[in-house]
Amino acid sequence: MLKGQLIHPTILQVLGTAGHGSGILIADGNYPFGTRANPAAERVYLNLAPGKLTVTEVAEALLTAIPVEAAHVMVTDDGSTPSIHEEFKAMLPVPLQAHQRESFYKLCKDDDVALVIATGEQRTYANLMLIVGVVQPPG
């Protein structure tokens, strides 16, 4: 039995084999993860129904299991900041790196993206790419 907050077997398996610099895309319900993400990345479908599960709920669980060295988001075409980005800033230990749509898609297709998690998130521009950091030795 697992005691941690993250218990999804496929996610744990991918995180166990991913390493420093690996990408994890948590995609909202509008993201074209079939064509705009690394085709070799493991896919996990947590999009049970609209609004179930959300990107922030998935991120909260992931943050209990991995160090994060970078976080990337997609910005709107007009440059405005989606409200969900404020939630990301509050929960993440690193600043957000903003990308225009095509730049974000290119980042998500990179060979280092190990995991794509589809959510039922309904808020737009709620996609979040986490880059796995390094576990610091004790002391």
N, C-alpha and C. Protein backbone atom coordinates (compact mmCIF):
# COMPACT_ATOMS: atom_id res chain seq x y z
N MET A 1 0.84 -1.19 0.00
CA MET A 1 0.00 0.00 0.00
C MET A 1 0.88 1.24 0.00
N LEU A 2 0.42 2.26 -0.68
CA LEU A 2 1.13 3.53 -0.76
C LEU A 2 0.61 4.50 0.28
N LYS A 3 1.51 5.27 0.86
CA LYS A 3 1.13 6.25 1.87
C LYS A 3 1.09 7.66 1.33
N GLY A 4 1.67 7.88 0.18
CA GLY A 4 1.77 9.23 -0.37
C GLY A 4 0.46 9.73 -0.94
N GLN A 5 0.46 10.98 -1.36
CA GLN A 5 -0.73 11.61 -1.93
C GLN A 5 -0.98 11.19 -3.36
N LEU A 6 0.08 10.76 -4.06
CA LEU A 6 -0.05 10.35 -5.45
C LEU A 6 -0.05 8.83 -5.50
N ILE A 7 -1.14 8.24 -6.00
CA ILE A 7 -1.24 6.78 -5.99
C ILE A 7 -1.57 6.18 -7.36
N HIS A 8 -1.65 7.02 -8.40
CA HIS A 8 -1.99 6.51 -9.73
C HIS A 8 -0.84 5.67 -10.26
N PRO A 9 -1.06 4.38 -10.55
CA PRO A 9 0.04 3.49 -10.91
C PRO A 9 0.81 3.87 -12.18
N THR A 10 0.12 4.31 -13.21
CA THR A 10 0.82 4.67 -14.44
C THR A 10 1.64 5.93 -14.25
N ILE A 11 1.07 6.91 -13.58
CA ILE A 11 1.82 8.15 -13.33
C ILE A 11 3.05 7.84 -12.49
N LEU A 12 2.91 7.05 -11.45
CA LEU A 12 4.06 6.70 -10.62
C LEU A 12 5.12 5.95 -11.42
N GLN A 13 4.70 5.06 -12.31
CA GLN A 13 5.66 4.32 -13.14
C GLN A 13 6.43 5.26 -14.05
N VAL A 14 5.75 6.19 -14.68
CA VAL A 14 6.44 7.13 -15.58
C VAL A 14 7.36 8.04 -14.78
N LEU A 15 6.91 8.54 -13.65
CA LEU A 15 7.76 9.40 -12.83
C LEU A 15 8.99 8.65 -12.34
N GLY A 16 8.83 7.35 -12.06
CA GLY A 16 9.95 6.54 -11.61
C GLY A 16 11.01 6.32 -12.67
N THR A 17 10.62 6.40 -13.94
CA THR A 17 11.59 6.20 -15.01
C THR A 17 12.03 7.52 -15.64
N ALA A 18 11.28 8.59 -15.41
CA ALA A 18 11.68 9.91 -15.91
C ALA A 18 12.78 10.45 -14.99
N GLY A 19 13.51 11.36 -15.49
CA GLY A 19 14.57 11.94 -14.68
C GLY A 19 14.60 13.44 -14.77
N HIS A 20 15.68 13.99 -14.26
CA HIS A 20 15.90 15.43 -14.28
C HIS A 20 15.76 15.97 -15.70
N GLY A 21 14.93 16.98 -15.85
CA GLY A 21 14.72 17.59 -17.16
C GLY A 21 13.55 17.02 -17.94
N SER A 22 12.94 15.96 -17.45
CA SER A 22 11.79 15.39 -18.13
C SER A 22 10.58 16.32 -17.99
N GLY A 23 9.75 16.34 -19.02
CA GLY A 23 8.57 17.18 -19.01
C GLY A 23 7.31 16.40 -18.72
N ILE A 24 6.40 17.05 -18.00
CA ILE A 24 5.09 16.49 -17.70
C ILE A 24 4.06 17.54 -18.12
N LEU A 25 3.26 17.22 -19.13
CA LEU A 25 2.22 18.13 -19.59
C LEU A 25 0.90 17.75 -18.92
N ILE A 26 0.33 18.71 -18.22
CA ILE A 26 -1.02 18.55 -17.67
C ILE A 26 -1.91 19.40 -18.58
N ALA A 27 -2.74 18.74 -19.37
CA ALA A 27 -3.48 19.41 -20.43
C ALA A 27 -4.93 19.66 -20.04
N ASP A 28 -5.41 20.84 -20.41
CA ASP A 28 -6.83 21.14 -20.17
C ASP A 28 -7.69 20.40 -21.19
N GLY A 29 -8.99 20.50 -21.04
CA GLY A 29 -9.92 19.77 -21.90
C GLY A 29 -9.94 20.19 -23.35
N ASN A 30 -9.31 21.31 -23.68
CA ASN A 30 -9.26 21.79 -25.06
C ASN A 30 -7.94 21.48 -25.75
N TYR A 31 -6.97 20.98 -25.02
CA TYR A 31 -5.63 20.79 -25.60
C TYR A 31 -5.62 19.64 -26.61
N PRO A 32 -5.00 19.85 -27.77
CA PRO A 32 -4.91 18.78 -28.78
C PRO A 32 -3.74 17.84 -28.50
N PHE A 33 -3.80 17.13 -27.36
CA PHE A 33 -2.66 16.31 -26.94
C PHE A 33 -2.37 15.15 -27.88
N GLY A 34 -3.31 14.79 -28.72
CA GLY A 34 -3.06 13.74 -29.69
C GLY A 34 -2.09 14.15 -30.78
N THR A 35 -2.07 15.45 -31.11
CA THR A 35 -1.21 15.94 -32.19
C THR A 35 -0.19 16.97 -31.73
N ARG A 36 -0.33 17.53 -30.55
CA ARG A 36 0.56 18.60 -30.09
C ARG A 36 1.33 18.22 -28.84
N ALA A 37 1.72 16.95 -28.76
CA ALA A 37 2.56 16.48 -27.65
C ALA A 37 3.46 15.37 -28.18
N ASN A 38 4.54 15.14 -27.49
CA ASN A 38 5.48 14.09 -27.89
C ASN A 38 4.72 12.79 -28.10
N PRO A 39 4.76 12.21 -29.31
CA PRO A 39 4.02 10.98 -29.56
C PRO A 39 4.51 9.79 -28.74
N ALA A 40 5.75 9.86 -28.26
CA ALA A 40 6.29 8.75 -27.46
C ALA A 40 5.96 8.89 -25.98
N ALA A 41 5.41 10.02 -25.57
CA ALA A 41 5.07 10.23 -24.16
C ALA A 41 3.91 9.34 -23.75
N GLU A 42 3.97 8.85 -22.54
CA GLU A 42 2.86 8.07 -21.98
C GLU A 42 1.66 9.00 -21.81
N ARG A 43 0.47 8.51 -22.16
CA ARG A 43 -0.76 9.27 -21.98
C ARG A 43 -1.56 8.68 -20.82
N VAL A 44 -2.06 9.57 -19.98
CA VAL A 44 -2.95 9.18 -18.89
C VAL A 44 -4.20 10.04 -19.04
N TYR A 45 -5.34 9.40 -19.11
CA TYR A 45 -6.61 10.08 -19.33
C TYR A 45 -7.36 10.21 -18.01
N LEU A 46 -7.34 11.40 -17.44
CA LEU A 46 -8.06 11.68 -16.20
C LEU A 46 -9.25 12.60 -16.47
N ASN A 47 -9.64 12.69 -17.74
CA ASN A 47 -10.76 13.55 -18.15
C ASN A 47 -12.07 12.76 -18.08
N LEU A 48 -12.50 12.50 -16.87
CA LEU A 48 -13.71 11.72 -16.61
C LEU A 48 -14.98 12.41 -17.11
N ALA A 49 -15.06 13.71 -16.84
CA ALA A 49 -16.23 14.51 -17.22
C ALA A 49 -15.80 15.97 -17.19
N PRO A 50 -16.58 16.86 -17.82
CA PRO A 50 -16.22 18.28 -17.76
C PRO A 50 -16.00 18.73 -16.31
N GLY A 51 -14.83 19.30 -16.07
CA GLY A 51 -14.51 19.78 -14.72
C GLY A 51 -13.92 18.73 -13.80
N LYS A 52 -13.81 17.50 -14.25
CA LYS A 52 -13.29 16.39 -13.43
C LYS A 52 -12.13 15.73 -14.15
N LEU A 53 -11.06 15.67 -13.70
CA LEU A 53 -10.30 16.39 -12.73
C LEU A 53 -9.77 17.68 -13.35
N THR A 54 -9.34 18.62 -12.51
CA THR A 54 -8.81 19.88 -13.01
C THR A 54 -7.29 19.83 -13.08
N VAL A 55 -6.73 20.76 -13.82
CA VAL A 55 -5.27 20.84 -13.92
C VAL A 55 -4.66 21.12 -12.55
N THR A 56 -5.28 22.00 -11.76
CA THR A 56 -4.71 22.32 -10.46
C THR A 56 -4.78 21.13 -9.50
N GLU A 57 -5.83 20.33 -9.57
CA GLU A 57 -5.91 19.14 -8.72
C GLU A 57 -4.81 18.14 -9.08
N VAL A 58 -4.57 17.95 -10.37
CA VAL A 58 -3.51 17.03 -10.80
C VAL A 58 -2.15 17.59 -10.40
N ALA A 59 -1.94 18.88 -10.60
CA ALA A 59 -0.66 19.49 -10.23
C ALA A 59 -0.39 19.36 -8.74
N GLU A 60 -1.41 19.56 -7.92
CA GLU A 60 -1.23 19.41 -6.47
C GLU A 60 -0.72 18.02 -6.11
N ALA A 61 -1.28 16.99 -6.74
CA ALA A 61 -0.84 15.62 -6.47
C ALA A 61 0.59 15.40 -6.96
N LEU A 62 0.91 15.89 -8.14
CA LEU A 62 2.26 15.72 -8.68
C LEU A 62 3.30 16.41 -7.81
N LEU A 63 2.97 17.57 -7.29
CA LEU A 63 3.92 18.33 -6.48
C LEU A 63 4.29 17.61 -5.18
N THR A 64 3.49 16.65 -4.77
CA THR A 64 3.85 15.87 -3.58
C THR A 64 4.89 14.80 -3.90
N ALA A 65 5.12 14.57 -5.19
CA ALA A 65 5.98 13.45 -5.58
C ALA A 65 7.27 13.86 -6.30
N ILE A 66 7.30 15.06 -6.89
CA ILE A 66 8.47 15.45 -7.68
C ILE A 66 8.95 16.86 -7.34
N PRO A 67 10.26 17.08 -7.50
CA PRO A 67 10.75 18.46 -7.45
C PRO A 67 10.51 19.09 -8.82
N VAL A 68 10.23 20.36 -8.85
CA VAL A 68 9.97 21.06 -10.11
C VAL A 68 11.03 22.15 -10.29
N GLU A 69 11.69 22.13 -11.45
CA GLU A 69 12.70 23.16 -11.71
C GLU A 69 12.20 24.24 -12.66
N ALA A 70 11.13 23.97 -13.39
CA ALA A 70 10.57 24.96 -14.30
C ALA A 70 9.11 24.64 -14.55
N ALA A 71 8.35 25.70 -14.89
CA ALA A 71 6.93 25.55 -15.22
C ALA A 71 6.63 26.45 -16.39
N HIS A 72 5.98 25.89 -17.41
CA HIS A 72 5.66 26.61 -18.63
C HIS A 72 4.16 26.66 -18.84
N VAL A 73 3.68 27.81 -19.35
CA VAL A 73 2.26 27.98 -19.63
C VAL A 73 2.09 28.64 -20.99
N MET A 74 0.89 28.52 -21.52
CA MET A 74 0.52 29.16 -22.78
C MET A 74 -0.23 30.45 -22.46
N VAL A 75 0.15 31.53 -23.14
CA VAL A 75 -0.53 32.80 -22.94
C VAL A 75 -1.51 33.05 -24.08
N THR A 76 -2.43 33.95 -23.84
CA THR A 76 -3.43 34.28 -24.85
C THR A 76 -2.79 35.03 -26.01
N ASP A 77 -3.47 35.05 -27.13
CA ASP A 77 -2.96 35.75 -28.31
C ASP A 77 -2.81 37.25 -28.07
N ASP A 78 -3.67 37.81 -27.20
CA ASP A 78 -3.58 39.25 -26.93
C ASP A 78 -2.62 39.59 -25.79
N GLY A 79 -2.00 38.56 -25.22
CA GLY A 79 -1.00 38.78 -24.17
C GLY A 79 -1.56 38.91 -22.77
N SER A 80 -2.88 38.81 -22.62
CA SER A 80 -3.47 38.90 -21.28
C SER A 80 -3.17 37.62 -20.50
N THR A 81 -3.21 37.73 -19.19
CA THR A 81 -2.90 36.61 -18.32
C THR A 81 -4.19 35.92 -17.88
N PRO A 82 -4.37 34.65 -18.23
CA PRO A 82 -5.55 33.92 -17.76
C PRO A 82 -5.55 33.81 -16.24
N SER A 83 -6.70 33.84 -15.63
CA SER A 83 -6.80 33.83 -14.17
C SER A 83 -6.19 32.57 -13.55
N ILE A 84 -6.24 31.45 -14.25
CA ILE A 84 -5.67 30.23 -13.68
C ILE A 84 -4.16 30.35 -13.47
N HIS A 85 -3.50 31.22 -14.21
CA HIS A 85 -2.06 31.39 -14.03
C HIS A 85 -1.73 31.92 -12.64
N GLU A 86 -2.63 32.70 -12.05
CA GLU A 86 -2.42 33.17 -10.67
C GLU A 86 -2.45 31.98 -9.70
N GLU A 87 -3.34 31.03 -9.95
CA GLU A 87 -3.38 29.82 -9.11
C GLU A 87 -2.09 29.02 -9.26
N PHE A 88 -1.60 28.91 -10.49
CA PHE A 88 -0.34 28.21 -10.72
C PHE A 88 0.80 28.88 -9.95
N LYS A 89 0.87 30.21 -10.03
CA LYS A 89 1.93 30.95 -9.34
C LYS A 89 1.89 30.69 -7.83
N ALA A 90 0.68 30.62 -7.28
CA ALA A 90 0.54 30.42 -5.84
C ALA A 90 0.96 29.01 -5.40
N MET A 91 0.85 28.03 -6.28
CA MET A 91 1.13 26.66 -5.87
C MET A 91 2.52 26.17 -6.25
N LEU A 92 3.15 26.82 -7.22
CA LEU A 92 4.42 26.32 -7.73
C LEU A 92 5.62 26.99 -7.07
N PRO A 93 6.71 26.24 -6.90
CA PRO A 93 7.91 26.79 -6.27
C PRO A 93 8.82 27.55 -7.23
N VAL A 94 8.39 27.69 -8.48
CA VAL A 94 9.20 28.36 -9.51
C VAL A 94 8.31 29.35 -10.26
N PRO A 95 8.92 30.37 -10.88
CA PRO A 95 8.11 31.30 -11.68
C PRO A 95 7.61 30.64 -12.96
N LEU A 96 6.51 31.15 -13.49
CA LEU A 96 5.96 30.65 -14.75
C LEU A 96 6.74 31.22 -15.92
N GLN A 97 7.01 30.39 -16.90
CA GLN A 97 7.61 30.83 -18.15
C GLN A 97 6.50 30.81 -19.21
N ALA A 98 6.20 31.97 -19.75
CA ALA A 98 5.07 32.12 -20.67
C ALA A 98 5.50 31.94 -22.11
N HIS A 99 4.63 31.28 -22.89
CA HIS A 99 4.88 31.01 -24.30
C HIS A 99 3.63 31.32 -25.12
N GLN A 100 3.84 31.84 -26.31
CA GLN A 100 2.75 31.95 -27.27
C GLN A 100 2.34 30.53 -27.69
N ARG A 101 1.18 30.39 -28.26
CA ARG A 101 0.59 29.08 -28.59
C ARG A 101 1.56 28.15 -29.34
N GLU A 102 2.09 28.57 -30.46
CA GLU A 102 2.94 27.68 -31.27
C GLU A 102 4.24 27.31 -30.55
N SER A 103 4.77 28.24 -29.79
CA SER A 103 5.98 27.96 -29.00
C SER A 103 5.69 26.91 -27.92
N PHE A 104 4.52 27.03 -27.29
CA PHE A 104 4.13 26.06 -26.27
C PHE A 104 3.92 24.68 -26.90
N TYR A 105 3.26 24.64 -28.05
CA TYR A 105 3.06 23.36 -28.75
C TYR A 105 4.40 22.72 -29.09
N LYS A 106 5.34 23.51 -29.54
CA LYS A 106 6.67 22.98 -29.88
C LYS A 106 7.35 22.41 -28.64
N LEU A 107 7.26 23.11 -27.53
CA LEU A 107 7.82 22.63 -26.27
C LEU A 107 7.21 21.27 -25.88
N CYS A 108 5.91 21.13 -26.07
CA CYS A 108 5.21 19.91 -25.67
C CYS A 108 5.51 18.73 -26.58
N LYS A 109 6.00 18.98 -27.78
CA LYS A 109 6.36 17.90 -28.70
C LYS A 109 7.80 17.44 -28.52
N ASP A 110 8.53 18.09 -27.62
CA ASP A 110 9.94 17.77 -27.39
C ASP A 110 10.09 16.32 -26.92
N ASP A 111 11.21 15.71 -27.30
CA ASP A 111 11.49 14.32 -26.92
C ASP A 111 11.58 14.12 -25.41
N ASP A 112 11.85 15.18 -24.65
CA ASP A 112 11.98 15.06 -23.20
C ASP A 112 10.64 15.01 -22.47
N VAL A 113 9.53 15.22 -23.18
CA VAL A 113 8.22 15.13 -22.54
C VAL A 113 7.89 13.65 -22.36
N ALA A 114 7.82 13.24 -21.11
CA ALA A 114 7.64 11.83 -20.77
C ALA A 114 6.18 11.46 -20.49
N LEU A 115 5.38 12.45 -20.11
CA LEU A 115 4.02 12.15 -19.65
C LEU A 115 3.07 13.26 -20.06
N VAL A 116 1.92 12.86 -20.59
CA VAL A 116 0.84 13.78 -20.92
C VAL A 116 -0.39 13.33 -20.14
N ILE A 117 -0.92 14.23 -19.33
CA ILE A 117 -2.10 13.92 -18.53
C ILE A 117 -3.26 14.77 -19.05
N ALA A 118 -4.28 14.11 -19.59
CA ALA A 118 -5.48 14.79 -20.07
C ALA A 118 -6.43 14.97 -18.89
N THR A 119 -6.91 16.20 -18.71
CA THR A 119 -7.85 16.48 -17.62
C THR A 119 -9.18 16.94 -18.20
N GLY A 120 -10.16 17.07 -17.34
CA GLY A 120 -11.45 17.62 -17.73
C GLY A 120 -11.54 19.11 -17.46
N GLU A 121 -10.38 19.75 -17.28
CA GLU A 121 -10.34 21.19 -16.99
C GLU A 121 -11.08 21.97 -18.06
N GLN A 122 -11.98 22.86 -17.64
CA GLN A 122 -12.76 23.64 -18.59
C GLN A 122 -12.24 25.06 -18.77
N ARG A 123 -11.41 25.53 -17.85
CA ARG A 123 -10.86 26.87 -18.02
C ARG A 123 -9.88 26.86 -19.19
N THR A 124 -9.89 27.93 -19.96
CA THR A 124 -9.00 28.01 -21.12
C THR A 124 -7.60 28.45 -20.69
N TYR A 125 -6.63 28.11 -21.50
CA TYR A 125 -5.21 28.40 -21.25
C TYR A 125 -4.76 27.83 -19.90
N ALA A 126 -5.29 26.67 -19.56
CA ALA A 126 -4.97 26.05 -18.28
C ALA A 126 -3.91 24.96 -18.42
N ASN A 127 -3.24 24.90 -19.55
CA ASN A 127 -2.22 23.87 -19.77
C ASN A 127 -0.96 24.23 -18.99
N LEU A 128 -0.35 23.21 -18.41
CA LEU A 128 0.82 23.41 -17.57
C LEU A 128 1.86 22.35 -17.88
N MET A 129 3.06 22.80 -18.22
CA MET A 129 4.19 21.89 -18.45
C MET A 129 5.13 22.03 -17.27
N LEU A 130 5.31 20.94 -16.53
CA LEU A 130 6.26 20.92 -15.42
C LEU A 130 7.54 20.23 -15.86
N ILE A 131 8.67 20.77 -15.48
CA ILE A 131 9.95 20.15 -15.77
C ILE A 131 10.49 19.60 -14.45
N VAL A 132 10.79 18.32 -14.45
CA VAL A 132 11.25 17.63 -13.24
C VAL A 132 12.63 18.15 -12.85
N GLY A 133 12.78 18.48 -11.59
CA GLY A 133 14.04 18.97 -11.05
C GLY A 133 14.87 17.86 -10.44
N VAL A 134 15.79 18.25 -9.61
CA VAL A 134 16.73 17.34 -8.97
C VAL A 134 16.35 17.17 -7.51
N VAL A 135 16.41 15.94 -7.01
CA VAL A 135 16.22 15.69 -5.60
C VAL A 135 17.56 15.96 -4.91
N GLN A 136 17.56 16.93 -4.02
CA GLN A 136 18.79 17.31 -3.34
C GLN A 136 19.13 16.28 -2.26
N PRO A 137 20.41 15.93 -2.14
CA PRO A 137 20.80 14.98 -1.08
C PRO A 137 20.60 15.63 0.29
N PRO A 138 20.37 14.79 1.31
CA PRO A 138 20.19 15.35 2.67
C PRO A 138 21.48 15.99 3.17
N GLY A 139 21.31 16.98 4.01
CA GLY A 139 22.47 17.60 4.64
C GLY A 139 22.86 18.79 4.01
